[in-house]
Amino acid sequence: MPKALITGITGQDGSYLTELLLEKGYEVHGLIRRASTFNTSRIDHLFKDPHDEENKLHLHYGDLTDAAGMTNLVREIEPDEIYNLAAQSHVMVSFSMPTYTANVDGVGTTTLLEAIRSSKLNTKFYQASTSELFGSTPPPQNEHSPFHPRSPYATAKLYAYWATINYREAYGIHATNGILFNHESPRRGETFVTRKITRAVAAISQGKQEKLYLGNLDAIRDWGYAKEYVESMWLMLQQEKPDDYVVATGVGATIEEFCAEAFRLVGLDWKRYTVEDPRYFRPSEVDALIGDSSKAATFLSWKAKTHWKDLVSIMVNSDLETLRKS
């Protein structure tokens, strides 16, 4: 039975990846941070009694900033695969918490890579990279496009990207970067713009909210379905040799178009309810991210099935259902 360690297991991607790996017969270990309240809602449906012999999901308290703790955990579990999904992943928040973001997203990646190296384990490593690395580089962006990060989040992730390559080249670790473009789902955090939109649309349509306040409506993003994207992560670690891959749909849309489509689905005119608020503008904006995932299609046989309009429908319907139940 293969063993995997997932950091960020309680997040959107972590929950979908856990489902996938359990279906494939893995024993899954997840890293969670200590909190005074439960923060495992996205994976609660996967829990079994830890005394049950069929239980294959195990959670461990820890933090990427604790180098000794992470090294001890890796040596204890001896995972065949590590998926590093943990991060301070909110771009706007990174401007307010740049040092923390650098420590978790950048140095934290090196902590895991060093744990693999020092433990002399034959562990494959997946680093959750991001399209934000490209920043102001014009689309379409692929593995050969130059990086120009435009936020503390992106600069921290750029450090992690090159650390992953360095450990691959210096120590022969099977270390891979997945440069995933924006990927969303009903499990997306409520402060991210797509989920902020779909939750507001559901609430406004039911008379429970009056206005939706957004930042730059002209920003273009390539939005895919997170449930599909985690399969690409797994496929990368099944390759004989490590490499770096862009994962995207290849189709872009503005935030305004995403918003308009969400309101259209409930029969409302988005202009009546949406206000562009300067407080949500970034100090340095990223105008357009549209990925070219030809390499992933060729070597991983992976291609996005769900594009942004279908994704909007999935998310709006989910938020409407949640609101009705509550």
Protein backbone atom coordinates (compact mmCIF):
# COMPACT_ATOMS: atom_id res chain seq x y z
CA MET A 1 0.00 0.00 0.00
CA PRO A 2 1.59 3.32 -1.06
CA LYS A 3 1.79 6.08 1.55
CA ALA A 4 1.32 9.79 0.88
CA LEU A 5 1.81 12.83 3.08
CA ILE A 6 -0.31 15.86 2.18
CA THR A 7 0.39 19.26 3.67
CA GLY A 8 -2.62 21.55 3.40
CA ILE A 9 -4.93 18.53 3.56
CA THR A 10 -7.80 20.58 5.00
CA GLY A 11 -7.86 22.95 2.02
CA GLN A 12 -9.76 22.73 -1.24
CA ASP A 13 -7.06 20.85 -3.15
CA GLY A 14 -6.06 18.75 -0.16
CA SER A 15 -9.58 17.40 0.29
CA TYR A 16 -10.00 16.44 -3.37
CA LEU A 17 -6.53 14.90 -3.51
CA THR A 18 -7.26 12.88 -0.37
CA GLU A 19 -10.40 11.48 -1.96
CA LEU A 20 -8.46 10.55 -5.09
CA LEU A 21 -5.61 8.84 -3.25
CA LEU A 22 -7.91 6.89 -0.94
CA GLU A 23 -9.81 5.65 -3.99
CA LYS A 24 -6.47 4.47 -5.43
CA GLY A 25 -5.68 2.47 -2.30
CA TYR A 26 -3.22 4.83 -0.61
CA GLU A 27 -2.64 5.26 3.08
CA VAL A 28 -2.94 9.04 3.47
CA HIS A 29 -1.29 11.15 6.14
CA GLY A 30 -2.26 14.80 6.46
CA LEU A 31 -0.63 17.75 8.18
CA ILE A 32 -2.96 20.02 10.14
CA ARG A 33 -2.30 23.05 12.31
CA ARG A 34 -3.49 23.16 15.90
CA ALA A 35 -6.54 25.41 16.32
CA SER A 36 -9.05 26.00 19.08
CA THR A 37 -11.89 25.04 16.75
CA PHE A 38 -12.23 22.18 14.29
CA ASN A 39 -11.00 23.10 10.80
CA THR A 40 -11.42 19.76 9.03
CA SER A 41 -14.87 20.29 7.48
CA ARG A 42 -13.69 19.54 3.92
CA ILE A 43 -12.43 16.08 4.89
CA ASP A 44 -14.85 15.12 7.68
CA HIS A 45 -16.73 12.80 5.33
CA LEU A 46 -13.55 10.76 4.85
CA PHE A 47 -12.92 10.04 8.53
CA LYS A 48 -13.26 6.61 10.04
CA ASP A 49 -12.73 5.50 13.62
CA PRO A 50 -8.92 5.45 14.06
CA HIS A 51 -9.33 2.06 15.75
CA ASP A 52 -10.94 0.68 12.58
CA GLU A 53 -8.51 -1.54 10.68
CA GLU A 54 -9.91 -0.15 7.42
CA ASN A 55 -9.02 3.44 8.37
CA LYS A 56 -6.47 4.77 5.88
CA LEU A 57 -6.53 8.47 6.78
CA HIS A 58 -4.26 9.75 9.55
CA LEU A 59 -3.83 13.37 10.67
CA HIS A 60 -0.77 14.87 12.34
CA TYR A 61 -0.34 18.23 14.04
CA GLY A 62 2.51 20.26 12.64
CA ASP A 63 3.62 23.39 10.83
CA LEU A 64 5.93 23.98 7.88
CA THR A 65 7.84 26.57 9.89
CA ASP A 66 8.91 23.86 12.39
CA ALA A 67 11.88 22.27 10.62
CA ALA A 68 12.68 19.71 13.33
CA GLY A 69 9.05 18.68 13.64
CA MET A 70 8.66 18.23 9.89
CA THR A 71 11.87 16.18 9.60
CA ASN A 72 10.75 13.92 12.44
CA LEU A 73 7.33 13.47 10.85
CA VAL A 74 8.76 12.56 7.44
CA ARG A 75 11.11 10.03 9.05
CA GLU A 76 8.25 8.57 11.09
CA ILE A 77 5.83 8.17 8.17
CA GLU A 78 8.39 7.32 5.45
CA PRO A 79 5.98 8.43 2.70
CA ASP A 80 6.33 7.30 -0.89
CA GLU A 81 4.95 10.66 -2.02
CA ILE A 82 4.70 14.12 -0.48
CA TYR A 83 2.27 16.68 -1.85
CA ASN A 84 3.13 20.15 -0.53
CA LEU A 85 -0.15 22.05 -0.84
CA ALA A 86 0.12 24.08 2.36
CA ALA A 87 0.57 27.81 1.94
CA GLN A 88 -0.62 31.24 2.90
CA SER A 89 -2.38 31.26 -0.45
CA HIS A 90 -4.37 34.50 -0.49
CA VAL A 91 -2.56 36.94 -2.78
CA MET A 92 -4.05 40.12 -1.28
CA VAL A 93 -3.31 38.95 2.27
CA SER A 94 0.31 38.39 1.30
CA PHE A 95 0.76 42.14 0.93
CA SER A 96 -0.25 42.52 4.59
CA MET A 97 1.76 39.48 5.80
CA PRO A 98 4.79 39.30 3.50
CA THR A 99 7.27 37.83 6.00
CA TYR A 100 4.88 35.13 7.20
CA THR A 101 4.02 34.29 3.59
CA ALA A 102 7.72 33.98 2.73
CA ASN A 103 8.40 31.73 5.72
CA VAL A 104 5.52 29.34 5.02
CA ASP A 105 5.37 29.34 1.23
CA GLY A 106 9.09 29.67 0.51
CA VAL A 107 11.20 28.42 3.40
CA GLY A 108 8.58 25.82 4.33
CA THR A 109 9.12 24.11 0.99
CA THR A 110 12.86 23.89 1.65
CA THR A 111 12.09 22.38 5.06
CA LEU A 112 10.27 19.46 3.41
CA LEU A 113 12.90 18.98 0.71
CA GLU A 114 15.65 18.98 3.33
CA ALA A 115 13.70 16.43 5.36
CA ILE A 116 13.65 14.12 2.34
CA ARG A 117 17.35 14.66 1.66
CA SER A 118 18.56 14.19 5.22
CA SER A 119 16.34 11.14 5.76
CA LYS A 120 17.73 9.50 2.60
CA LEU A 121 14.23 8.40 1.65
CA ASN A 122 13.21 7.58 -1.91
CA THR A 123 10.25 9.95 -1.61
CA LYS A 124 8.67 11.71 -4.59
CA PHE A 125 7.87 15.36 -3.97
CA TYR A 126 5.15 17.53 -5.51
CA GLN A 127 5.35 21.31 -5.07
CA ALA A 128 2.16 23.30 -5.58
CA SER A 129 3.41 26.11 -7.80
CA THR A 130 1.18 28.82 -9.20
CA SER A 131 0.37 30.82 -12.31
CA GLU A 132 1.03 33.94 -10.21
CA LEU A 133 4.73 33.31 -10.95
CA PHE A 134 4.15 34.73 -14.43
CA GLY A 135 2.71 37.99 -13.11
CA SER A 136 3.00 40.62 -15.84
CA THR A 137 4.26 38.21 -18.54
CA PRO A 138 1.70 38.32 -21.40
CA PRO A 139 -0.42 35.20 -22.05
CA PRO A 140 -0.50 32.48 -23.05
CA GLN A 141 2.02 31.27 -20.46
CA ASN A 142 3.75 27.90 -20.54
CA GLU A 143 6.80 26.22 -18.97
CA HIS A 144 9.16 28.41 -21.02
CA SER A 145 7.52 31.77 -20.28
CA PRO A 146 9.57 34.17 -18.13
CA PHE A 147 8.52 34.74 -14.54
CA HIS A 148 7.65 38.23 -13.26
CA PRO A 149 5.97 37.86 -9.85
CA ARG A 150 3.81 40.77 -8.69
CA SER A 151 3.08 39.96 -5.03
CA PRO A 152 4.80 38.65 -1.89
CA TYR A 153 2.86 35.41 -2.42
CA ALA A 154 4.24 35.00 -5.93
CA THR A 155 7.82 35.84 -4.92
CA ALA A 156 7.68 33.30 -2.09
CA LYS A 157 6.34 30.69 -4.49
CA LEU A 158 9.12 31.53 -6.94
CA TYR A 159 11.68 30.73 -4.23
CA ALA A 160 9.90 27.42 -3.63
CA TYR A 161 9.83 26.69 -7.37
CA TRP A 162 13.60 27.06 -7.72
CA ALA A 163 14.28 25.26 -4.44
CA THR A 164 12.39 22.27 -5.84
CA ILE A 165 14.48 22.30 -9.01
CA ASN A 166 17.69 22.76 -7.02
CA TYR A 167 17.03 19.71 -4.83
CA ARG A 168 16.14 17.75 -7.96
CA GLU A 169 19.40 18.65 -9.68
CA ALA A 170 21.71 18.65 -6.65
CA TYR A 171 20.47 15.55 -4.82
CA GLY A 172 18.53 13.55 -7.41
CA ILE A 173 15.23 13.88 -5.57
CA HIS A 174 12.13 13.14 -7.65
CA ALA A 175 10.85 16.71 -7.16
CA THR A 176 8.24 18.23 -9.47
CA ASN A 177 6.57 21.63 -9.78
CA GLY A 178 2.92 21.74 -10.80
CA ILE A 179 2.30 25.26 -12.12
CA LEU A 180 -1.45 25.23 -11.70
CA PHE A 181 -3.55 28.10 -12.98
CA ASN A 182 -6.59 29.23 -10.99
CA HIS A 183 -8.73 26.28 -9.99
CA GLU A 184 -11.99 26.60 -8.09
CA SER A 185 -14.85 24.53 -6.71
CA PRO A 186 -17.67 24.68 -4.15
CA ARG A 187 -14.95 23.96 -1.57
CA ARG A 188 -13.04 27.13 -2.42
CA GLY A 189 -12.38 29.43 0.53
CA GLU A 190 -15.03 32.09 1.02
CA THR A 191 -12.60 35.02 0.75
CA PHE A 192 -11.38 34.07 -2.75
CA VAL A 193 -13.06 36.10 -5.47
CA THR A 194 -14.86 33.28 -7.29
CA ARG A 195 -16.46 31.90 -4.15
CA LYS A 196 -17.14 35.41 -2.88
CA ILE A 197 -19.11 35.98 -6.08
CA THR A 198 -21.08 32.72 -6.08
CA ARG A 199 -21.98 32.97 -2.38
CA ALA A 200 -23.14 36.56 -2.88
CA VAL A 201 -25.21 35.62 -5.93
CA ALA A 202 -26.95 32.90 -3.94
CA ALA A 203 -27.60 35.24 -1.03
CA ILE A 204 -28.78 38.16 -3.20
CA SER A 205 -31.12 35.91 -5.16
CA GLN A 206 -32.73 34.87 -1.86
CA GLY A 207 -32.97 38.42 -0.54
CA LYS A 208 -30.33 37.87 2.14
CA GLN A 209 -27.70 40.29 0.77
CA GLU A 210 -27.93 43.62 -1.04
CA LYS A 211 -24.56 44.32 -2.67
CA LEU A 212 -21.38 42.57 -3.81
CA TYR A 213 -18.14 44.56 -3.50
CA LEU A 214 -15.27 43.53 -5.78
CA GLY A 215 -11.84 44.78 -6.82
CA ASN A 216 -10.41 44.88 -10.37
CA LEU A 217 -13.15 43.59 -12.67
CA ASP A 218 -10.88 43.63 -15.74
CA ALA A 219 -8.40 41.02 -14.48
CA ILE A 220 -8.37 37.93 -16.73
CA ARG A 221 -7.94 34.47 -15.27
CA ASP A 222 -7.92 30.89 -16.56
CA TRP A 223 -10.33 29.09 -14.21
CA GLY A 224 -10.50 25.29 -13.99
CA TYR A 225 -12.14 22.74 -11.71
CA ALA A 226 -10.02 21.80 -8.69
CA LYS A 227 -11.39 18.25 -8.59
CA GLU A 228 -9.88 17.63 -12.03
CA TYR A 229 -6.63 19.43 -11.30
CA VAL A 230 -5.62 17.19 -8.39
CA GLU A 231 -5.46 14.25 -10.79
CA SER A 232 -2.68 16.07 -12.65
CA MET A 233 -0.73 16.27 -9.36
CA TRP A 234 -0.91 12.52 -8.93
CA LEU A 235 0.00 11.88 -12.57
CA MET A 236 3.15 14.02 -12.23
CA LEU A 237 4.48 11.80 -9.45
CA GLN A 238 3.79 8.64 -11.46
CA GLN A 239 6.28 9.71 -14.13
CA GLU A 240 9.68 8.01 -14.26
CA LYS A 241 11.49 11.34 -14.25
CA PRO A 242 10.54 14.54 -12.40
CA ASP A 243 9.69 17.64 -14.40
CA ASP A 244 7.62 20.83 -14.27
CA TYR A 245 4.17 21.18 -15.83
CA VAL A 246 1.65 23.95 -16.49
CA VAL A 247 -1.93 22.87 -15.77
CA ALA A 248 -4.70 25.06 -17.20
CA THR A 249 -7.81 25.11 -19.41
CA GLY A 250 -6.36 27.51 -21.96
CA VAL A 251 -9.49 29.67 -21.77
CA GLY A 252 -9.56 33.03 -20.04
CA ALA A 253 -12.34 35.27 -18.76
CA THR A 254 -12.49 38.53 -16.84
CA ILE A 255 -13.80 38.74 -13.29
CA GLU A 256 -16.62 40.84 -14.75
CA GLU A 257 -17.57 37.99 -17.11
CA PHE A 258 -17.44 35.44 -14.26
CA CYS A 259 -19.65 37.71 -12.16
CA ALA A 260 -22.12 38.41 -14.97
CA GLU A 261 -22.50 34.69 -15.71
CA ALA A 262 -23.12 33.89 -12.05
CA PHE A 263 -25.90 36.48 -11.80
CA ARG A 264 -27.35 35.37 -15.15
CA LEU A 265 -27.86 31.87 -13.75
CA VAL A 266 -30.29 33.26 -11.16
CA GLY A 267 -31.95 35.67 -13.59
CA LEU A 268 -30.38 38.89 -12.26
CA ASP A 269 -28.45 41.75 -13.85
CA TRP A 270 -25.02 41.88 -12.20
CA LYS A 271 -24.69 45.64 -12.71
CA ARG A 272 -27.55 46.32 -10.28
CA TYR A 273 -25.83 44.55 -7.40
CA THR A 274 -22.07 44.82 -7.96
CA VAL A 275 -19.83 47.68 -6.80
CA GLU A 276 -16.16 48.01 -7.78
CA ASP A 277 -14.37 48.94 -4.54
CA PRO A 278 -10.78 50.31 -4.71
CA ARG A 279 -9.97 48.80 -1.31
CA TYR A 280 -9.85 45.38 -2.99
CA PHE A 281 -7.31 46.43 -5.63
CA ARG A 282 -3.82 44.98 -5.25
CA PRO A 283 -0.82 47.34 -4.93
CA SER A 284 0.52 45.67 -8.09
CA GLU A 285 -2.01 43.96 -10.34
CA VAL A 286 -1.72 40.88 -12.53
CA ASP A 287 -3.66 41.66 -15.69
CA ALA A 288 -3.98 38.35 -17.51
CA LEU A 289 -3.16 34.68 -16.83
CA ILE A 290 -4.08 32.09 -19.49
CA GLY A 291 -2.18 28.81 -19.50
CA ASP A 292 -0.88 26.58 -22.27
CA SER A 293 -0.89 23.04 -20.87
CA SER A 294 0.21 21.27 -24.07
CA LYS A 295 3.07 19.59 -22.20
CA ALA A 296 0.70 18.10 -19.63
CA ALA A 297 -1.54 16.85 -22.43
CA THR A 298 1.42 15.20 -24.18
CA PHE A 299 3.25 13.62 -21.26
CA LEU A 300 0.53 13.17 -18.65
CA SER A 301 -2.43 12.62 -20.99
CA TRP A 302 -4.23 15.23 -18.89
CA LYS A 303 -6.64 17.80 -20.27
CA ALA A 304 -9.21 20.00 -18.55
CA LYS A 305 -12.82 18.92 -19.05
CA THR A 306 -14.60 21.74 -17.21
CA HIS A 307 -14.22 25.32 -18.40
CA TRP A 308 -15.18 28.47 -16.56
CA LYS A 309 -18.88 28.77 -17.47
CA ASP A 310 -19.60 25.21 -16.35
CA LEU A 311 -17.56 25.89 -13.23
CA VAL A 312 -19.68 28.96 -12.42
CA SER A 313 -22.80 26.83 -12.70
CA ILE A 314 -21.38 24.14 -10.39
CA MET A 315 -20.44 26.72 -7.75
CA VAL A 316 -23.62 28.80 -7.89
CA ASN A 317 -25.85 25.73 -7.67
CA SER A 318 -23.85 24.43 -4.72
CA ASP A 319 -24.10 27.73 -2.84
CA LEU A 320 -27.82 27.96 -3.56
CA GLU A 321 -28.31 24.44 -2.18
CA THR A 322 -26.27 25.25 0.92
CA LEU A 323 -28.31 28.40 1.53
CA ARG A 324 -31.58 26.54 1.15
CA LYS A 325 -30.50 23.88 3.66
CA SER A 326 -29.49 26.52 6.18
